[in-house]
PDB file of N, CA and C in Angstrom:
ATOM      1  N   MET A   1      25.162 -27.933 -27.031  1.00  0.00           N
ATOM      2  CA  MET A   1      24.187 -27.998 -25.631  1.00  0.00           C
ATOM      3  C   MET A   1      24.729 -27.279 -24.158  1.00  0.00           C
ATOM      4  N   LYS A   2      24.082 -26.565 -23.976  1.00  0.00           N
ATOM      5  CA  LYS A   2      24.373 -25.962 -22.552  1.00  0.00           C
ATOM      6  C   LYS A   2      23.776 -26.854 -21.372  1.00  0.00           C
ATOM      7  N   LEU A   3      25.119 -26.997 -20.749  1.00  0.00           N
ATOM      8  CA  LEU A   3      25.275 -27.854 -19.181  1.00  0.00           C
ATOM      9  C   LEU A   3      24.509 -27.132 -18.389  1.00  0.00           C
ATOM     10  N   PRO A   4      23.670 -27.832 -17.605  1.00  0.00           N
ATOM     11  CA  PRO A   4      23.270 -26.837 -16.004  1.00  0.00           C
ATOM     12  C   PRO A   4      24.473 -26.471 -15.240  1.00  0.00           C
ATOM     13  N   GLY A   5      24.447 -25.306 -14.899  1.00  0.00           N
ATOM     14  CA  GLY A   5      25.349 -24.681 -14.218  1.00  0.00           C
ATOM     15  C   GLY A   5      26.687 -24.401 -14.751  1.00  0.00           C
ATOM     16  N   SER A   6      26.378 -24.058 -16.261  1.00  0.00           N
ATOM     17  CA  SER A   6      27.844 -23.931 -16.819  1.00  0.00           C
ATOM     18  C   SER A   6      27.675 -22.312 -17.187  1.00  0.00           C
ATOM     19  N   GLY A   7      26.824 -21.556 -16.763  1.00  0.00           N
ATOM     20  CA  GLY A   7      26.551 -20.163 -16.770  1.00  0.00           C
ATOM     21  C   GLY A   7      27.463 -19.491 -16.202  1.00  0.00           C
ATOM     22  N   PRO A   8      27.641 -18.172 -16.541  1.00  0.00           N
ATOM     23  CA  PRO A   8      28.639 -17.351 -15.669  1.00  0.00           C
ATOM     24  C   PRO A   8      28.249 -17.005 -14.316  1.00  0.00           C
ATOM     25  N   ARG A   9      29.133 -17.332 -13.810  1.00  0.00           N
ATOM     26  CA  ARG A   9      29.484 -17.211 -12.476  1.00  0.00           C
ATOM     27  C   ARG A   9      30.456 -15.846 -11.659  1.00  0.00           C
ATOM     28  N   VAL A  10      30.338 -15.459 -10.851  1.00  0.00           N
ATOM     29  CA  VAL A  10      31.209 -14.602  -9.875  1.00  0.00           C
ATOM     30  C   VAL A  10      31.875 -15.302  -9.109  1.00  0.00           C
ATOM     31  N   SER A  11      33.391 -15.026  -9.058  1.00  0.00           N
ATOM     32  CA  SER A  11      34.121 -15.472  -7.838  1.00  0.00           C
ATOM     33  C   SER A  11      34.716 -14.355  -7.271  1.00  0.00           C
ATOM     34  N   VAL A  12      35.338 -14.450  -5.935  1.00  0.00           N
ATOM     35  CA  VAL A  12      35.913 -13.111  -5.713  1.00  0.00           C
ATOM     36  C   VAL A  12      37.106 -13.987  -4.625  1.00  0.00           C
ATOM     37  N   ASP A  13      38.760 -13.375  -5.023  1.00  0.00           N
ATOM     38  CA  ASP A  13      39.729 -13.975  -4.508  1.00  0.00           C
ATOM     39  C   ASP A  13      40.070 -13.261  -3.099  1.00  0.00           C
ATOM     40  N   ASN A  14      39.734 -13.955  -2.360  1.00  0.00           N
ATOM     41  CA  ASN A  14      39.461 -13.327  -0.966  1.00  0.00           C
ATOM     42  C   ASN A  14      41.227 -13.259  -0.495  1.00  0.00           C
ATOM     43  N   ASP A  15      41.920 -13.938  -0.815  1.00  0.00           N
ATOM     44  CA  ASP A  15      43.418 -13.433  -0.450  1.00  0.00           C
ATOM     45  C   ASP A  15      43.615 -11.778  -1.111  1.00  0.00           C
ATOM     46  N   ARG A  16      43.307 -11.547  -2.322  1.00  0.00           N
ATOM     47  CA  ARG A  16      43.596 -10.290  -2.937  1.00  0.00           C
ATOM     48  C   ARG A  16      42.475  -9.220  -2.690  1.00  0.00           C
ATOM     49  N   CYS A  17      41.338  -9.525  -2.093  1.00  0.00           N
ATOM     50  CA  CYS A  17      40.320  -8.429  -1.580  1.00  0.00           C
ATOM     51  C   CYS A  17      40.751  -7.736  -0.452  1.00  0.00           C
ATOM     52  N   GLU A  18      40.760  -6.387  -0.554  1.00  0.00           N
ATOM     53  CA  GLU A  18      41.016  -5.629   0.367  1.00  0.00           C
ATOM     54  C   GLU A  18      39.866  -4.962   1.185  1.00  0.00           C
ATOM     55  N   LEU A  19      38.524  -5.285   0.246  1.00  0.00           N
ATOM     56  CA  LEU A  19      37.349  -4.760   0.924  1.00  0.00           C
ATOM     57  C   LEU A  19      37.275  -3.428   0.834  1.00  0.00           C
ATOM     58  N   TYR A  20      37.607  -2.718  -0.194  1.00  0.00           N
ATOM     59  CA  TYR A  20      37.550  -1.324  -0.244  1.00  0.00           C
ATOM     60  C   TYR A  20      36.047  -1.223  -0.820  1.00  0.00           C
ATOM     61  N   GLY A  21      35.075  -1.932  -1.235  1.00  0.00           N
ATOM     62  CA  GLY A  21      33.822  -1.993  -1.376  1.00  0.00           C
ATOM     63  C   GLY A  21      33.628  -1.328  -2.725  1.00  0.00           C
ATOM     64  N   ILE A  22      34.258  -1.165  -3.591  1.00  0.00           N
ATOM     65  CA  ILE A  22      33.878  -0.578  -5.139  1.00  0.00           C
ATOM     66  C   ILE A  22      33.590  -1.421  -5.695  1.00  0.00           C
ATOM     67  N   CYS A  23      33.369  -2.640  -5.732  1.00  0.00           N
ATOM     68  CA  CYS A  23      32.452  -3.594  -6.334  1.00  0.00           C
ATOM     69  C   CYS A  23      31.045  -3.430  -5.959  1.00  0.00           C
ATOM     70  N   ALA A  24      30.740  -3.279  -4.660  1.00  0.00           N
ATOM     71  CA  ALA A  24      29.469  -3.010  -4.286  1.00  0.00           C
ATOM     72  C   ALA A  24      28.911  -1.624  -4.502  1.00  0.00           C
ATOM     73  N   MET A  25      29.540  -0.665  -4.523  1.00  0.00           N
ATOM     74  CA  MET A  25      29.166   0.492  -5.291  1.00  0.00           C
ATOM     75  C   MET A  25      28.823   0.382  -6.998  1.00  0.00           C
ATOM     76  N   GLU A  26      29.734  -0.314  -7.467  1.00  0.00           N
ATOM     77  CA  GLU A  26      29.610  -0.620  -9.125  1.00  0.00           C
ATOM     78  C   GLU A  26      28.130  -1.316  -9.479  1.00  0.00           C
ATOM     79  N   ALA A  27      28.164  -2.607  -8.388  1.00  0.00           N
ATOM     80  CA  ALA A  27      27.298  -3.649  -8.568  1.00  0.00           C
ATOM     81  C   ALA A  27      26.399  -4.091  -7.416  1.00  0.00           C
ATOM     82  N   PRO A  28      25.813  -2.828  -7.074  1.00  0.00           N
ATOM     83  CA  PRO A  28      25.225  -2.909  -5.431  1.00  0.00           C
ATOM     84  C   PRO A  28      23.946  -4.421  -5.438  1.00  0.00           C
ATOM     85  N   GLY A  29      23.575  -4.699  -6.823  1.00  0.00           N
ATOM     86  CA  GLY A  29      22.568  -5.822  -6.840  1.00  0.00           C
ATOM     87  C   GLY A  29      23.399  -7.293  -6.690  1.00  0.00           C
ATOM     88  N   LEU A  30      24.819  -7.140  -7.092  1.00  0.00           N
ATOM     89  CA  LEU A  30      25.530  -8.409  -6.891  1.00  0.00           C
ATOM     90  C   LEU A  30      26.385  -8.495  -5.656  1.00  0.00           C
ATOM     91  N   PHE A  31      26.843  -7.282  -5.149  1.00  0.00           N
ATOM     92  CA  PHE A  31      27.878  -7.389  -3.879  1.00  0.00           C
ATOM     93  C   PHE A  31      27.270  -6.565  -2.747  1.00  0.00           C
ATOM     94  N   ASP A  32      27.670  -6.783  -1.573  1.00  0.00           N
ATOM     95  CA  ASP A  32      27.399  -6.374  -0.357  1.00  0.00           C
ATOM     96  C   ASP A  32      28.575  -6.376   0.532  1.00  0.00           C
ATOM     97  N   LEU A  33      29.144  -5.032   0.997  1.00  0.00           N
ATOM     98  CA  LEU A  33      30.045  -5.104   2.113  1.00  0.00           C
ATOM     99  C   LEU A  33      29.357  -4.990   3.427  1.00  0.00           C
ATOM    100  N   GLY A  34      29.247  -6.193   4.138  1.00  0.00           N
ATOM    101  CA  GLY A  34      28.671  -6.031   5.374  1.00  0.00           C
ATOM    102  C   GLY A  34      29.033  -5.006   6.469  1.00  0.00           C
ATOM    103  N   ARG A  35      28.206  -4.895   7.590  1.00  0.00           N
ATOM    104  CA  ARG A  35      28.926  -4.134   8.868  1.00  0.00           C
ATOM    105  C   ARG A  35      29.987  -4.859   9.344  1.00  0.00           C
ATOM    106  N   ASP A  36      29.984  -6.154   9.137  1.00  0.00           N
ATOM    107  CA  ASP A  36      30.940  -7.019   9.854  1.00  0.00           C
ATOM    108  C   ASP A  36      32.134  -6.859   8.950  1.00  0.00           C
ATOM    109  N   GLY A  37      32.325  -6.349   7.957  1.00  0.00           N
ATOM    110  CA  GLY A  37      33.551  -6.010   7.422  1.00  0.00           C
ATOM    111  C   GLY A  37      33.823  -7.288   6.365  1.00  0.00           C
ATOM    112  N   ARG A  38      32.389  -8.223   6.203  1.00  0.00           N
ATOM    113  CA  ARG A  38      32.746  -9.136   4.967  1.00  0.00           C
ATOM    114  C   ARG A  38      31.893  -8.968   3.640  1.00  0.00           C
ATOM    115  N   LEU A  39      32.615  -9.502   2.705  1.00  0.00           N
ATOM    116  CA  LEU A  39      31.922  -9.310   1.519  1.00  0.00           C
ATOM    117  C   LEU A  39      31.132 -10.416   1.024  1.00  0.00           C
ATOM    118  N   ARG A  40      29.933 -10.067   0.624  1.00  0.00           N
ATOM    119  CA  ARG A  40      28.914 -10.960   0.190  1.00  0.00           C
ATOM    120  C   ARG A  40      28.432 -10.779  -1.155  1.00  0.00           C
ATOM    121  N   PHE A  41      28.037 -11.691  -2.035  1.00  0.00           N
ATOM    122  CA  PHE A  41      27.968 -11.786  -3.326  1.00  0.00           C
ATOM    123  C   PHE A  41      27.130 -12.960  -3.793  1.00  0.00           C
ATOM    124  N   ARG A  42      26.706 -12.366  -4.887  1.00  0.00           N
ATOM    125  CA  ARG A  42      25.686 -13.681  -5.439  1.00  0.00           C
ATOM    126  C   ARG A  42      26.391 -14.345  -6.602  1.00  0.00           C
ATOM    127  N   LYS A  43      26.634 -15.464  -6.562  1.00  0.00           N
ATOM    128  CA  LYS A  43      27.365 -15.882  -7.670  1.00  0.00           C
ATOM    129  C   LYS A  43      27.181 -16.086  -8.587  1.00  0.00           C
ATOM    130  N   ARG A  44      25.985 -16.569  -9.013  1.00  0.00           N
ATOM    131  CA  ARG A  44      25.208 -16.576 -10.310  1.00  0.00           C
ATOM    132  C   ARG A  44      24.893 -15.383 -10.933  1.00  0.00           C
ATOM    133  N   LEU A  45      24.894 -15.313 -12.328  1.00  0.00           N
ATOM    134  CA  LEU A  45      24.717 -14.272 -12.945  1.00  0.00           C
ATOM    135  C   LEU A  45      23.310 -14.424 -13.439  1.00  0.00           C
ATOM    136  N   LEU A  46      22.355 -14.045 -13.172  1.00  0.00           N
ATOM    137  CA  LEU A  46      20.901 -14.632 -13.500  1.00  0.00           C
ATOM    138  C   LEU A  46      20.070 -13.571 -14.766  1.00  0.00           C
ATOM    139  N   ASP A  47      20.709 -12.577 -15.387  1.00  0.00           N
ATOM    140  CA  ASP A  47      20.042 -11.552 -16.511  1.00  0.00           C
ATOM    141  C   ASP A  47      21.319 -10.653 -17.023  1.00  0.00           C
ATOM    142  N   PRO A  48      20.954 -10.217 -18.105  1.00  0.00           N
ATOM    143  CA  PRO A  48      22.025  -9.424 -18.726  1.00  0.00           C
ATOM    144  C   PRO A  48      22.190  -8.224 -17.990  1.00  0.00           C
ATOM    145  N   GLU A  49      21.459  -7.372 -17.075  1.00  0.00           N
ATOM    146  CA  GLU A  49      21.902  -6.668 -16.037  1.00  0.00           C
ATOM    147  C   GLU A  49      23.149  -6.970 -14.988  1.00  0.00           C
ATOM    148  N   ASP A  50      22.897  -8.043 -14.475  1.00  0.00           N
ATOM    149  CA  ASP A  50      23.965  -8.571 -13.630  1.00  0.00           C
ATOM    150  C   ASP A  50      25.172  -9.026 -14.544  1.00  0.00           C
ATOM    151  N   MET A  51      25.325  -9.512 -15.658  1.00  0.00           N
ATOM    152  CA  MET A  51      26.612  -9.446 -16.204  1.00  0.00           C
ATOM    153  C   MET A  51      26.963  -7.941 -16.511  1.00  0.00           C
ATOM    154  N   THR A  52      26.310  -7.226 -16.866  1.00  0.00           N
ATOM    155  CA  THR A  52      27.004  -5.809 -17.192  1.00  0.00           C
ATOM    156  C   THR A  52      27.490  -5.328 -15.680  1.00  0.00           C
ATOM    157  N   GLN A  53      26.783  -5.340 -14.531  1.00  0.00           N
ATOM    158  CA  GLN A  53      27.325  -4.989 -13.415  1.00  0.00           C
ATOM    159  C   GLN A  53      28.436  -5.876 -12.877  1.00  0.00           C
ATOM    160  N   ALA A  54      28.697  -6.750 -13.452  1.00  0.00           N
ATOM    161  CA  ALA A  54      29.892  -7.863 -12.722  1.00  0.00           C
ATOM    162  C   ALA A  54      31.141  -7.636 -13.579  1.00  0.00           C
ATOM    163  N   ILE A  55      30.683  -7.064 -14.992  1.00  0.00           N
ATOM    164  CA  ILE A  55      31.847  -7.047 -15.977  1.00  0.00           C
ATOM    165  C   ILE A  55      32.164  -5.432 -15.156  1.00  0.00           C
ATOM    166  N   ALA A  56      31.738  -4.512 -15.042  1.00  0.00           N
ATOM    167  CA  ALA A  56      32.134  -3.214 -14.537  1.00  0.00           C
ATOM    168  C   ALA A  56      32.590  -3.072 -13.226  1.00  0.00           C
ATOM    169  N   ALA A  57      32.051  -4.088 -12.109  1.00  0.00           N
ATOM    170  CA  ALA A  57      32.637  -4.479 -10.924  1.00  0.00           C
ATOM    171  C   ALA A  57      34.211  -5.001 -11.007  1.00  0.00           C
ATOM    172  N   ALA A  58      34.382  -6.098 -11.813  1.00  0.00           N
ATOM    173  CA  ALA A  58      35.752  -6.734 -12.168  1.00  0.00           C
ATOM    174  C   ALA A  58      36.565  -5.624 -12.753  1.00  0.00           C
ATOM    175  N   ARG A  59      36.126  -4.816 -13.474  1.00  0.00           N
ATOM    176  CA  ARG A  59      36.918  -3.654 -14.319  1.00  0.00           C
ATOM    177  C   ARG A  59      37.705  -2.969 -13.359  1.00  0.00           C
ATOM    178  N   VAL A  60      36.736  -2.472 -12.084  1.00  0.00           N
ATOM    179  CA  VAL A  60      37.254  -1.232 -11.153  1.00  0.00           C
ATOM    180  C   VAL A  60      37.767  -1.697  -9.829  1.00  0.00           C
ATOM    181  N   CYS A  61      37.792  -3.061  -9.693  1.00  0.00           N
ATOM    182  CA  CYS A  61      38.081  -3.621  -8.474  1.00  0.00           C
ATOM    183  C   CYS A  61      39.887  -3.273  -8.560  1.00  0.00           C
ATOM    184  N   PRO A  62      40.511  -2.609  -7.851  1.00  0.00           N
ATOM    185  CA  PRO A  62      41.706  -2.234  -7.652  1.00  0.00           C
ATOM    186  C   PRO A  62      42.747  -3.623  -7.459  1.00  0.00           C
ATOM    187  N   MET A  63      42.481  -4.458  -7.044  1.00  0.00           N
ATOM    188  CA  MET A  63      43.019  -5.667  -6.637  1.00  0.00           C
ATOM    189  C   MET A  63      42.777  -6.797  -7.561  1.00  0.00           C
ATOM    190  N   GLN A  64      42.146  -6.268  -8.702  1.00  0.00           N
ATOM    191  CA  GLN A  64      41.548  -7.582  -9.362  1.00  0.00           C
ATOM    192  C   GLN A  64      41.294  -8.854  -8.719  1.00  0.00           C
ATOM    193  N   ALA A  65      40.518  -8.508  -7.651  1.00  0.00           N
ATOM    194  CA  ALA A  65      39.865  -9.798  -6.876  1.00  0.00           C
ATOM    195  C   ALA A  65      38.536 -10.386  -7.501  1.00  0.00           C
ATOM    196  N   VAL A  66      37.911  -9.432  -8.234  1.00  0.00           N
ATOM    197  CA  VAL A  66      36.838  -9.859  -8.804  1.00  0.00           C
ATOM    198  C   VAL A  66      37.058 -10.497 -10.204  1.00  0.00           C
ATOM    199  N   VAL A  67      36.514 -12.337 -10.294  1.00  0.00           N
ATOM    200  CA  VAL A  67      36.574 -12.817 -11.545  1.00  0.00           C
ATOM    201  C   VAL A  67      35.180 -13.406 -12.134  1.00  0.00           C
ATOM    202  N   LEU A  68      35.151 -13.441 -13.281  1.00  0.00           N
ATOM    203  CA  LEU A  68      34.215 -14.001 -13.901  1.00  0.00           C
ATOM    204  C   LEU A  68      34.458 -15.095 -14.610  1.00  0.00           C
ATOM    205  N   ARG A  69      33.589 -16.174 -14.301  1.00  0.00           N
ATOM    206  CA  ARG A  69      33.678 -17.779 -14.698  1.00  0.00           C
ATOM    207  C   ARG A  69      32.673 -18.450 -15.143  1.00  0.00           C
ATOM    208  N   GLY A  70      32.742 -19.203 -16.376  1.00  0.00           N
ATOM    209  CA  GLY A  70      31.702 -19.767 -16.778  1.00  0.00           C
ATOM    210  C   GLY A  70      31.520 -19.079 -18.331  1.00  0.00           C
ATOM    211  N   GLU A  71      30.668 -19.805 -18.687  1.00  0.00           N
ATOM    212  CA  GLU A  71      30.270 -19.278 -20.324  1.00  0.00           C
ATOM    213  C   GLU A  71      29.555 -17.693 -20.323  1.00  0.00           C
ATOM    214  N   LEU A  72      30.907 -16.970 -20.393  1.00  0.00           N
ATOM    215  CA  LEU A  72      30.134 -15.516 -20.424  1.00  0.00           C
ATOM    216  C   LEU A  72      29.411 -15.148 -21.442  1.00  0.00           C
ATOM    217  N   ASP A  73      29.060 -15.561 -22.754  1.00  0.00           N
ATOM    218  CA  ASP A  73      28.332 -14.936 -23.633  1.00  0.00           C
ATOM    219  C   ASP A  73      26.949 -15.788 -23.998  1.00  0.00           C
ATOM    220  N   GLY A  74      26.756 -16.603 -22.733  1.00  0.00           N
ATOM    221  CA  GLY A  74      25.329 -16.975 -22.973  1.00  0.00           C
ATOM    222  C   GLY A  74      24.376 -17.671 -23.873  1.00  0.00           C
TER     223      GLY A  74
END
């Protein structure tokens, strides 16, 4: 039985994040580097395309600040 809220989520370790914006280039539907220099991201991964983009963003982050949590195989 799948519990509500147990689906995959993205988190960003702000102590590691150096705001390079590579995650926003890799996953523009999930991440946005604002003009104010703050990283905004959608935490809940809603569909398979979100998951694909999130995995790619985590893979390319040079600081390893993007982390996927929760039940990843849906």
